[in-house]
């Protein structure tokens, strides 16, 4: 059976997967949060960093690239099996954890564990969570397709305070993306 790491390693070889521009709204959201609440010295962990866009956007700051594999060839790479015990992150402390369009790719228990881990290692968390189907290479990539109430409850159950949040809706497939800034 193919592992999550194997599957995403295969997907990242595709030019169609995770090729977002640095100008896409979710990256602008993180930039706005850092400008509004943070400072230029903030340390950042990008969990599920994909092709490394957050690392490039915040290139003057200390960014730890956390991913299944070093898809972006980032020098400050920390390999982490999100479905594992997350012990790779035990010694990490940052000011803000960024986790964009990741939680919907794992099962509910794993999403909860990732949220608790981010709470343990950072003062603030920035999330975006997509709610729609996403099938690529014949496999559903979004294992959790739940509405904003589910995510609000999950986040609050993990002892976070929601500093700000909003929802962006798209007419295509009734898709939504949830944006959160948490403490």
C-alpha atoms as a PDB file:
ATOM      1  CA  UNK A   1       0.000   0.000   0.000  1.00  0.00           C
ATOM      2  CA  UNK A   2       1.260   3.450  -0.931  1.00  0.00           C
ATOM      3  CA  UNK A   3       2.165   5.674   2.039  1.00  0.00           C
ATOM      4  CA  UNK A   4       1.172   9.327   2.353  1.00  0.00           C
ATOM      5  CA  UNK A   5       4.820  10.313   1.808  1.00  0.00           C
ATOM      6  CA  UNK A   6       5.059   8.216  -1.362  1.00  0.00           C
ATOM      7  CA  UNK A   7       1.782   9.581  -2.706  1.00  0.00           C
ATOM      8  CA  UNK A   8       2.701  13.238  -2.160  1.00  0.00           C
ATOM      9  CA  UNK A   9       6.233  12.690  -3.471  1.00  0.00           C
ATOM     10  CA  UNK A  10       4.579  11.409  -6.661  1.00  0.00           C
ATOM     11  CA  UNK A  11       2.157  14.362  -6.767  1.00  0.00           C
ATOM     12  CA  UNK A  12       4.936  16.929  -6.359  1.00  0.00           C
ATOM     13  CA  UNK A  13       6.579  15.548  -9.504  1.00  0.00           C
ATOM     14  CA  UNK A  14       3.497  16.742 -11.399  1.00  0.00           C
ATOM     15  CA  UNK A  15       3.578  20.284 -12.752  1.00  0.00           C
ATOM     16  CA  UNK A  16      -0.169  20.479 -12.013  1.00  0.00           C
ATOM     17  CA  UNK A  17       0.068  20.016  -8.238  1.00  0.00           C
ATOM     18  CA  UNK A  18       0.705  22.800  -5.704  1.00  0.00           C
ATOM     19  CA  UNK A  19       2.035  25.337  -8.186  1.00  0.00           C
ATOM     20  CA  UNK A  20       0.414  28.352  -6.507  1.00  0.00           C
ATOM     21  CA  UNK A  21       1.750  31.827  -7.064  1.00  0.00           C
ATOM     22  CA  UNK A  22       3.202  33.764  -4.129  1.00  0.00           C
ATOM     23  CA  UNK A  23       0.435  36.325  -4.777  1.00  0.00           C
ATOM     24  CA  UNK A  24      -2.400  33.915  -4.085  1.00  0.00           C
ATOM     25  CA  UNK A  25      -4.808  35.128  -1.392  1.00  0.00           C
ATOM     26  CA  UNK A  26      -3.702  32.701   1.346  1.00  0.00           C
ATOM     27  CA  UNK A  27      -0.110  33.941   1.160  1.00  0.00           C
ATOM     28  CA  UNK A  28      -1.321  37.543   1.218  1.00  0.00           C
ATOM     29  CA  UNK A  29      -3.332  36.641   4.339  1.00  0.00           C
ATOM     30  CA  UNK A  30      -0.196  35.409   6.120  1.00  0.00           C
ATOM     31  CA  UNK A  31       1.723  38.511   5.035  1.00  0.00           C
ATOM     32  CA  UNK A  32      -1.065  40.759   6.349  1.00  0.00           C
ATOM     33  CA  UNK A  33      -1.206  38.884   9.687  1.00  0.00           C
ATOM     34  CA  UNK A  34       2.558  39.198  10.179  1.00  0.00           C
ATOM     35  CA  UNK A  35       2.432  42.915   9.331  1.00  0.00           C
ATOM     36  CA  UNK A  36      -0.568  43.546  11.591  1.00  0.00           C
ATOM     37  CA  UNK A  37       0.351  41.446  14.638  1.00  0.00           C
ATOM     38  CA  UNK A  38       3.967  40.411  14.310  1.00  0.00           C
ATOM     39  CA  UNK A  39       7.363  41.845  13.758  1.00  0.00           C
ATOM     40  CA  UNK A  40      10.286  41.282  11.371  1.00  0.00           C
ATOM     41  CA  UNK A  41      12.014  39.076  13.951  1.00  0.00           C
ATOM     42  CA  UNK A  42       9.201  36.540  14.209  1.00  0.00           C
ATOM     43  CA  UNK A  43      10.310  32.955  13.691  1.00  0.00           C
ATOM     44  CA  UNK A  44       7.977  30.919  11.511  1.00  0.00           C
ATOM     45  CA  UNK A  45       7.254  27.235  11.027  1.00  0.00           C
ATOM     46  CA  UNK A  46       5.555  26.409   7.740  1.00  0.00           C
ATOM     47  CA  UNK A  47       3.869  23.041   8.340  1.00  0.00           C
ATOM     48  CA  UNK A  48       3.073  21.310   5.085  1.00  0.00           C
ATOM     49  CA  UNK A  49       5.267  23.810   3.285  1.00  0.00           C
ATOM     50  CA  UNK A  50       4.856  22.276  -0.159  1.00  0.00           C
ATOM     51  CA  UNK A  51       6.937  24.104  -2.742  1.00  0.00           C
ATOM     52  CA  UNK A  52       8.258  26.585  -0.169  1.00  0.00           C
ATOM     53  CA  UNK A  53       6.291  29.755  -0.956  1.00  0.00           C
ATOM     54  CA  UNK A  54       6.190  30.953   2.673  1.00  0.00           C
ATOM     55  CA  UNK A  55       9.964  30.414   2.879  1.00  0.00           C
ATOM     56  CA  UNK A  56      10.442  32.635  -0.175  1.00  0.00           C
ATOM     57  CA  UNK A  57       7.958  35.316   0.952  1.00  0.00           C
ATOM     58  CA  UNK A  58       9.602  35.587   4.378  1.00  0.00           C
ATOM     59  CA  UNK A  59      13.162  35.018   3.180  1.00  0.00           C
ATOM     60  CA  UNK A  60      14.573  37.613   5.585  1.00  0.00           C
ATOM     61  CA  UNK A  61      13.085  35.813   8.592  1.00  0.00           C
ATOM     62  CA  UNK A  62      13.898  32.459  10.194  1.00  0.00           C
ATOM     63  CA  UNK A  63      11.499  29.970   8.583  1.00  0.00           C
ATOM     64  CA  UNK A  64      11.519  26.250   9.327  1.00  0.00           C
ATOM     65  CA  UNK A  65      10.213  24.246   6.372  1.00  0.00           C
ATOM     66  CA  UNK A  66       8.259  21.223   7.688  1.00  0.00           C
ATOM     67  CA  UNK A  67       7.092  18.665   5.162  1.00  0.00           C
ATOM     68  CA  UNK A  68       6.990  14.955   4.330  1.00  0.00           C
ATOM     69  CA  UNK A  69       9.917  15.427   1.936  1.00  0.00           C
ATOM     70  CA  UNK A  70      12.083  18.426   1.053  1.00  0.00           C
ATOM     71  CA  UNK A  71      10.121  19.237  -2.100  1.00  0.00           C
ATOM     72  CA  UNK A  72      11.488  22.817  -2.166  1.00  0.00           C
ATOM     73  CA  UNK A  73      15.105  21.871  -1.359  1.00  0.00           C
ATOM     74  CA  UNK A  74      14.989  24.327   1.561  1.00  0.00           C
ATOM     75  CA  UNK A  75      18.112  24.420   3.784  1.00  0.00           C
ATOM     76  CA  UNK A  76      16.150  24.642   7.061  1.00  0.00           C
ATOM     77  CA  UNK A  77      14.118  21.503   6.358  1.00  0.00           C
ATOM     78  CA  UNK A  78      12.548  19.346   9.044  1.00  0.00           C
ATOM     79  CA  UNK A  79      11.082  16.067   7.804  1.00  0.00           C
ATOM     80  CA  UNK A  80       7.867  15.134   9.534  1.00  0.00           C
ATOM     81  CA  UNK A  81       5.397  12.321   8.972  1.00  0.00           C
ATOM     82  CA  UNK A  82       2.158  14.103   9.820  1.00  0.00           C
ATOM     83  CA  UNK A  83       0.411  10.774  10.403  1.00  0.00           C
ATOM     84  CA  UNK A  84       3.207   9.726  12.809  1.00  0.00           C
ATOM     85  CA  UNK A  85       3.880  10.775  16.382  1.00  0.00           C
ATOM     86  CA  UNK A  86       5.203  14.257  15.444  1.00  0.00           C
ATOM     87  CA  UNK A  87       8.223  13.770  17.710  1.00  0.00           C
ATOM     88  CA  UNK A  88      10.375  15.452  15.031  1.00  0.00           C
ATOM     89  CA  UNK A  89       8.831  18.728  16.220  1.00  0.00           C
ATOM     90  CA  UNK A  90       9.389  18.247  19.973  1.00  0.00           C
ATOM     91  CA  UNK A  91      12.377  20.620  20.227  1.00  0.00           C
ATOM     92  CA  UNK A  92      11.012  23.287  17.897  1.00  0.00           C
ATOM     93  CA  UNK A  93       9.816  26.649  19.252  1.00  0.00           C
ATOM     94  CA  UNK A  94       8.650  29.432  16.942  1.00  0.00           C
ATOM     95  CA  UNK A  95       6.596  32.590  17.207  1.00  0.00           C
ATOM     96  CA  UNK A  96       4.037  31.573  14.592  1.00  0.00           C
ATOM     97  CA  UNK A  97       3.044  28.326  12.919  1.00  0.00           C
ATOM     98  CA  UNK A  98       1.659  28.596   9.411  1.00  0.00           C
ATOM     99  CA  UNK A  99      -0.403  25.705   8.084  1.00  0.00           C
ATOM    100  CA  UNK A 100      -2.047  26.495   4.751  1.00  0.00           C
ATOM    101  CA  UNK A 101      -4.362  23.999   3.082  1.00  0.00           C
ATOM    102  CA  UNK A 102      -2.976  21.016   4.998  1.00  0.00           C
ATOM    103  CA  UNK A 103      -5.499  19.935   7.632  1.00  0.00           C
ATOM    104  CA  UNK A 104      -8.092  18.850   5.072  1.00  0.00           C
ATOM    105  CA  UNK A 105      -5.507  16.422   3.628  1.00  0.00           C
ATOM    106  CA  UNK A 106      -5.313  14.293   6.800  1.00  0.00           C
ATOM    107  CA  UNK A 107      -7.869  12.389   8.862  1.00  0.00           C
ATOM    108  CA  UNK A 108      -9.662  14.002  11.809  1.00  0.00           C
ATOM    109  CA  UNK A 109      -7.442  12.542  14.538  1.00  0.00           C
ATOM    110  CA  UNK A 110      -4.300  13.657  12.708  1.00  0.00           C
ATOM    111  CA  UNK A 111      -5.722  17.159  12.181  1.00  0.00           C
ATOM    112  CA  UNK A 112      -6.398  17.416  15.920  1.00  0.00           C
ATOM    113  CA  UNK A 113      -2.887  16.206  16.794  1.00  0.00           C
ATOM    114  CA  UNK A 114      -1.366  18.737  14.363  1.00  0.00           C
ATOM    115  CA  UNK A 115      -3.372  21.552  15.940  1.00  0.00           C
ATOM    116  CA  UNK A 116      -2.280  20.567  19.460  1.00  0.00           C
ATOM    117  CA  UNK A 117       1.350  20.332  18.305  1.00  0.00           C
ATOM    118  CA  UNK A 118       1.208  23.789  16.720  1.00  0.00           C
ATOM    119  CA  UNK A 119      -0.261  25.152  19.966  1.00  0.00           C
ATOM    120  CA  UNK A 120       2.634  23.571  21.899  1.00  0.00           C
ATOM    121  CA  UNK A 121       5.395  25.023  19.753  1.00  0.00           C
ATOM    122  CA  UNK A 122       4.125  28.495  18.846  1.00  0.00           C
ATOM    123  CA  UNK A 123       2.375  31.499  20.324  1.00  0.00           C
ATOM    124  CA  UNK A 124       0.267  32.090  17.212  1.00  0.00           C
ATOM    125  CA  UNK A 125      -1.105  29.953  14.372  1.00  0.00           C
ATOM    126  CA  UNK A 126      -2.267  30.957  10.892  1.00  0.00           C
ATOM    127  CA  UNK A 127      -4.464  28.427   9.093  1.00  0.00           C
ATOM    128  CA  UNK A 128      -6.286  28.115   5.831  1.00  0.00           C
ATOM    129  CA  UNK A 129      -8.529  25.098   5.363  1.00  0.00           C
ATOM    130  CA  UNK A 130     -10.238  24.209   2.097  1.00  0.00           C
ATOM    131  CA  UNK A 131     -13.657  22.565   2.021  1.00  0.00           C
ATOM    132  CA  UNK A 132     -14.175  20.882  -1.323  1.00  0.00           C
ATOM    133  CA  UNK A 133     -13.308  17.714  -3.167  1.00  0.00           C
ATOM    134  CA  UNK A 134      -9.851  17.538  -4.733  1.00  0.00           C
ATOM    135  CA  UNK A 135      -9.134  14.449  -6.812  1.00  0.00           C
ATOM    136  CA  UNK A 136      -5.776  14.111  -8.531  1.00  0.00           C
ATOM    137  CA  UNK A 137      -4.310  11.010 -10.129  1.00  0.00           C
ATOM    138  CA  UNK A 138      -7.495   9.157  -9.208  1.00  0.00           C
ATOM    139  CA  UNK A 139      -7.249   9.768  -5.469  1.00  0.00           C
ATOM    140  CA  UNK A 140      -9.275  12.077  -3.207  1.00  0.00           C
ATOM    141  CA  UNK A 141      -6.755  14.379  -1.532  1.00  0.00           C
ATOM    142  CA  UNK A 142      -9.160  16.135   0.856  1.00  0.00           C
ATOM    143  CA  UNK A 143      -9.920  13.542   3.507  1.00  0.00           C
ATOM    144  CA  UNK A 144     -11.905  16.053   5.588  1.00  0.00           C
ATOM    145  CA  UNK A 145     -14.655  17.969   3.824  1.00  0.00           C
ATOM    146  CA  UNK A 146     -16.450  19.768   6.623  1.00  0.00           C
ATOM    147  CA  UNK A 147     -18.006  23.185   7.099  1.00  0.00           C
ATOM    148  CA  UNK A 148     -16.825  26.121   9.152  1.00  0.00           C
ATOM    149  CA  UNK A 149     -18.774  25.020  12.265  1.00  0.00           C
ATOM    150  CA  UNK A 150     -16.788  21.749  12.368  1.00  0.00           C
ATOM    151  CA  UNK A 151     -13.491  23.627  12.155  1.00  0.00           C
ATOM    152  CA  UNK A 152     -14.526  26.293  14.690  1.00  0.00           C
ATOM    153  CA  UNK A 153     -15.431  23.519  17.162  1.00  0.00           C
ATOM    154  CA  UNK A 154     -12.243  21.548  16.453  1.00  0.00           C
ATOM    155  CA  UNK A 155     -10.081  24.644  16.912  1.00  0.00           C
ATOM    156  CA  UNK A 156     -11.805  25.651  20.147  1.00  0.00           C
ATOM    157  CA  UNK A 157     -11.589  22.064  21.470  1.00  0.00           C
ATOM    158  CA  UNK A 158      -7.809  22.322  20.984  1.00  0.00           C
ATOM    159  CA  UNK A 159      -7.834  25.298  23.389  1.00  0.00           C
ATOM    160  CA  UNK A 160      -7.189  28.007  20.804  1.00  0.00           C
ATOM    161  CA  UNK A 161      -8.571  31.524  20.856  1.00  0.00           C
ATOM    162  CA  UNK A 162      -9.756  32.682  17.442  1.00  0.00           C
ATOM    163  CA  UNK A 163      -8.313  36.180  17.007  1.00  0.00           C
ATOM    164  CA  UNK A 164      -9.779  36.581  13.546  1.00  0.00           C
ATOM    165  CA  UNK A 165     -11.391  34.414  10.901  1.00  0.00           C
ATOM    166  CA  UNK A 166     -13.292  34.670   7.669  1.00  0.00           C
ATOM    167  CA  UNK A 167     -14.662  32.431   4.932  1.00  0.00           C
ATOM    168  CA  UNK A 168     -14.134  32.780   1.203  1.00  0.00           C
ATOM    169  CA  UNK A 169     -16.709  31.039  -0.997  1.00  0.00           C
ATOM    170  CA  UNK A 170     -16.232  29.953  -4.586  1.00  0.00           C
ATOM    171  CA  UNK A 171     -19.026  29.082  -7.008  1.00  0.00           C
ATOM    172  CA  UNK A 172     -17.046  26.150  -8.414  1.00  0.00           C
ATOM    173  CA  UNK A 173     -18.259  23.010  -6.614  1.00  0.00           C
ATOM    174  CA  UNK A 174     -19.590  25.128  -3.714  1.00  0.00           C
ATOM    175  CA  UNK A 175     -16.014  25.317  -2.435  1.00  0.00           C
ATOM    176  CA  UNK A 176     -15.053  27.302   0.631  1.00  0.00           C
ATOM    177  CA  UNK A 177     -11.746  28.238   2.238  1.00  0.00           C
ATOM    178  CA  UNK A 178     -11.577  29.121   5.933  1.00  0.00           C
ATOM    179  CA  UNK A 179      -8.955  31.590   7.169  1.00  0.00           C
ATOM    180  CA  UNK A 180      -7.904  31.675  10.824  1.00  0.00           C
ATOM    181  CA  UNK A 181      -5.476  33.552  13.034  1.00  0.00           C
ATOM    182  CA  UNK A 182      -5.247  31.868  16.446  1.00  0.00           C
ATOM    183  CA  UNK A 183      -3.529  32.200  19.785  1.00  0.00           C
END
